[in-house]
Amino acid sequence: MAPQSGVRGALRRFNELYARFLEWLLVFSVASIIPPVTLQIFARFTELLPRYIWTEEASRFLLVWTVMIGAMVAIREGTHFNVDLFPNLKGRGKAAADLVAGFFIVVFALVFVWWGWEFVDSAWFRISELAELPLWTIYIAWPVAGLSFLIFMAERIWDDLAVLTGAEEPRA
């Protein structure tokens, strides 16, 4: 694919950098979930460690973020919400089918942003019961994921429209 300039090229470069950041954040979140889960396991089966209550909430918070970040990366790669009903489609047909699927992903993303923000708004001054972590730090994962879906889908939709209108050759 030829390098683009202007808004489309800037969007592509931003998405590449943002996706790389999310991939590193995903590695960090997976690595961060291992210690609290390990402590929970050892605390359940041995008397060597006290039963840490904070580990359950920390692992739950990290799991939510890990899933959401993974979903964001998968949207960027085009592997999330992907059901290939017509595997033999090529060119404009594939671009048209991808646009239809992209429309539904955008609607889904808007739901995440809109009601996700209401979710966050309900948690600004609330804390979790056991570890006393601020609840907005977990709830904000939904609108962040929705915004990320929209940013990544903008690039995919732009590419599909270019193929559909004949302005660009189809991706391999």
Protein backbone atom coordinates (compact mmCIF):
# COMPACT_ATOMS: atom_id res chain seq x y z
CA MET A 1 0.00 0.00 0.00
CA ALA A 2 1.43 3.37 -1.00
CA PRO A 3 2.12 5.90 1.73
CA GLN A 4 -0.58 8.54 2.08
CA SER A 5 -0.27 12.15 2.96
CA GLY A 6 -2.77 14.51 4.52
CA VAL A 7 -5.46 13.55 6.99
CA ARG A 8 -5.59 9.90 5.95
CA GLY A 9 -1.84 9.47 6.32
CA ALA A 10 -1.87 11.25 9.68
CA LEU A 11 -4.70 8.99 10.87
CA ARG A 12 -2.79 5.91 9.75
CA ARG A 13 0.41 7.05 11.51
CA PHE A 14 -1.51 7.92 14.69
CA ASN A 15 -3.26 4.54 14.63
CA GLU A 16 0.04 2.71 14.17
CA LEU A 17 1.59 4.49 17.16
CA TYR A 18 -1.53 4.11 19.29
CA ALA A 19 -1.79 0.40 18.42
CA ARG A 20 1.87 -0.11 19.33
CA PHE A 21 1.25 1.65 22.67
CA LEU A 22 -1.80 -0.56 23.30
CA GLU A 23 0.19 -3.69 22.51
CA TRP A 24 2.80 -2.74 25.12
CA LEU A 25 0.05 -1.84 27.57
CA LEU A 26 -1.50 -5.26 26.94
CA VAL A 27 1.80 -6.96 27.74
CA PHE A 28 2.08 -4.88 30.92
CA SER A 29 -1.50 -5.66 32.00
CA VAL A 30 -1.05 -9.40 31.45
CA ALA A 31 2.23 -9.32 33.39
CA SER A 32 0.60 -7.25 36.16
CA ILE A 33 -2.25 -9.69 36.67
CA ILE A 34 0.08 -12.62 37.40
CA PRO A 35 1.25 -11.57 40.92
CA PRO A 36 -2.20 -10.98 42.49
CA VAL A 37 -3.62 -14.17 40.98
CA THR A 38 -0.57 -16.14 42.13
CA LEU A 39 -0.95 -14.73 45.65
CA GLN A 40 -4.61 -15.74 45.66
CA ILE A 41 -3.76 -19.30 44.66
CA PHE A 42 -1.04 -19.68 47.27
CA ALA A 43 -3.21 -18.09 49.96
CA ARG A 44 -6.02 -20.57 49.28
CA PHE A 45 -3.91 -23.69 49.43
CA THR A 46 -1.25 -22.88 52.00
CA GLU A 47 -1.08 -21.33 55.41
CA LEU A 48 2.18 -19.57 54.51
CA LEU A 49 0.42 -16.49 53.15
CA PRO A 50 -2.53 -14.62 54.60
CA ARG A 51 -5.61 -14.44 52.44
CA TYR A 52 -5.07 -11.13 50.65
CA ILE A 53 -8.42 -9.57 49.95
CA TRP A 54 -7.05 -6.80 47.73
CA THR A 55 -5.70 -9.36 45.26
CA GLU A 56 -9.19 -10.40 44.17
CA GLU A 57 -10.22 -6.86 43.29
CA ALA A 58 -6.88 -5.98 41.72
CA SER A 59 -7.00 -9.05 39.51
CA ARG A 60 -10.60 -8.26 38.51
CA PHE A 61 -9.70 -4.66 37.60
CA LEU A 62 -6.68 -5.85 35.61
CA LEU A 63 -8.70 -8.54 33.85
CA VAL A 64 -11.28 -6.01 32.66
CA TRP A 65 -8.55 -3.73 31.33
CA THR A 66 -6.70 -6.63 29.71
CA VAL A 67 -9.85 -7.74 27.89
CA MET A 68 -10.68 -4.20 26.75
CA ILE A 69 -7.14 -3.47 25.54
CA GLY A 70 -7.09 -6.80 23.73
CA ALA A 71 -10.38 -5.91 22.04
CA MET A 72 -8.95 -2.54 20.96
CA VAL A 73 -5.89 -4.20 19.42
CA ALA A 74 -8.08 -6.81 17.72
CA ILE A 75 -10.25 -4.09 16.15
CA ARG A 76 -7.11 -2.46 14.77
CA GLU A 77 -5.97 -5.78 13.31
CA GLY A 78 -9.42 -6.55 11.92
CA THR A 79 -9.76 -9.78 13.89
CA HIS A 80 -12.42 -8.79 16.42
CA PHE A 81 -16.10 -9.14 15.52
CA ASN A 82 -14.93 -10.93 12.40
CA VAL A 83 -17.21 -13.58 10.94
CA ASP A 84 -16.20 -14.42 7.41
CA LEU A 85 -19.47 -15.44 5.76
CA PHE A 86 -18.10 -14.92 2.27
CA PRO A 87 -14.44 -16.01 2.36
CA ASN A 88 -14.05 -15.87 -1.43
CA LEU A 89 -15.01 -12.21 -1.79
CA LYS A 90 -12.31 -10.00 -3.26
CA GLY A 91 -11.93 -6.39 -4.29
CA ARG A 92 -15.03 -4.20 -4.24
CA GLY A 93 -17.30 -6.98 -2.97
CA LYS A 94 -15.08 -7.51 0.05
CA ALA A 95 -14.86 -3.76 0.62
CA ALA A 96 -18.67 -3.48 0.50
CA ALA A 97 -19.11 -6.37 2.96
CA ASP A 98 -16.46 -4.86 5.24
CA LEU A 99 -18.31 -1.52 5.16
CA VAL A 100 -21.54 -3.18 6.26
CA ALA A 101 -19.73 -4.98 9.09
CA GLY A 102 -17.89 -1.76 9.93
CA PHE A 103 -21.20 0.06 10.29
CA PHE A 104 -22.30 -2.35 13.00
CA ILE A 105 -18.96 -2.08 14.78
CA VAL A 106 -19.30 1.71 14.76
CA VAL A 107 -22.79 1.42 16.27
CA PHE A 108 -21.39 -0.93 18.92
CA ALA A 109 -18.54 1.52 19.60
CA LEU A 110 -20.99 4.41 19.99
CA VAL A 111 -22.95 2.35 22.53
CA PHE A 112 -19.70 1.79 24.46
CA VAL A 113 -18.92 5.52 24.39
CA TRP A 114 -22.39 6.79 25.24
CA TRP A 115 -23.50 4.38 27.93
CA GLY A 116 -19.92 3.76 29.03
CA TRP A 117 -19.66 7.42 29.93
CA GLU A 118 -22.87 7.18 31.94
CA PHE A 119 -21.33 4.16 33.65
CA VAL A 120 -18.23 6.21 34.53
CA ASP A 121 -20.33 9.17 35.63
CA SER A 122 -22.10 6.97 38.17
CA ALA A 123 -18.75 5.96 39.71
CA TRP A 124 -16.77 9.19 40.09
CA PHE A 125 -17.01 9.30 43.87
CA ARG A 126 -17.41 5.60 44.61
CA ILE A 127 -14.71 3.19 45.74
CA SER A 128 -14.50 -0.58 45.73
CA GLU A 129 -15.42 -2.29 48.98
CA LEU A 130 -12.33 -4.33 49.70
CA ALA A 131 -9.27 -2.58 48.26
CA GLU A 132 -10.86 0.88 48.24
CA LEU A 133 -9.87 1.47 44.63
CA PRO A 134 -11.74 4.24 42.77
CA LEU A 135 -14.41 2.56 40.64
CA TRP A 136 -14.10 5.03 37.77
CA THR A 137 -10.67 3.52 37.01
CA ILE A 138 -12.33 0.30 35.92
CA TYR A 139 -15.50 1.78 34.42
CA ILE A 140 -13.62 4.14 32.14
CA ALA A 141 -12.40 1.13 30.17
CA TRP A 142 -15.70 1.06 28.25
CA PRO A 143 -15.70 4.59 26.79
CA VAL A 144 -11.93 4.36 26.13
CA ALA A 145 -12.50 1.12 24.23
CA GLY A 146 -15.40 2.67 22.30
CA LEU A 147 -13.32 5.70 21.28
CA SER A 148 -10.47 3.42 20.26
CA PHE A 149 -12.86 1.29 18.18
CA LEU A 150 -14.05 4.47 16.42
CA ILE A 151 -10.52 5.69 15.69
CA PHE A 152 -9.41 2.34 14.31
CA MET A 153 -12.63 1.85 12.32
CA ALA A 154 -12.25 5.29 10.73
CA GLU A 155 -9.08 4.08 9.04
CA ARG A 156 -10.63 0.77 7.94
CA ILE A 157 -13.76 2.47 6.59
CA TRP A 158 -11.66 5.03 4.74
CA ASP A 159 -9.65 2.23 3.13
CA ASP A 160 -12.80 0.30 2.17
CA LEU A 161 -14.41 3.41 0.67
CA ALA A 162 -11.27 4.03 -1.39
CA VAL A 163 -11.46 0.48 -2.77
CA LEU A 164 -15.21 0.68 -3.35
CA THR A 165 -14.94 3.93 -5.31
CA GLY A 166 -11.98 2.67 -7.33
CA ALA A 167 -9.60 5.29 -5.94
CA GLU A 168 -7.33 2.54 -4.63
CA GLU A 169 -6.46 -1.07 -5.40
CA PRO A 170 -7.84 -3.70 -3.01
CA ARG A 171 -5.68 -4.90 -0.14
CA ALA A 172 -4.14 -8.31 -0.58
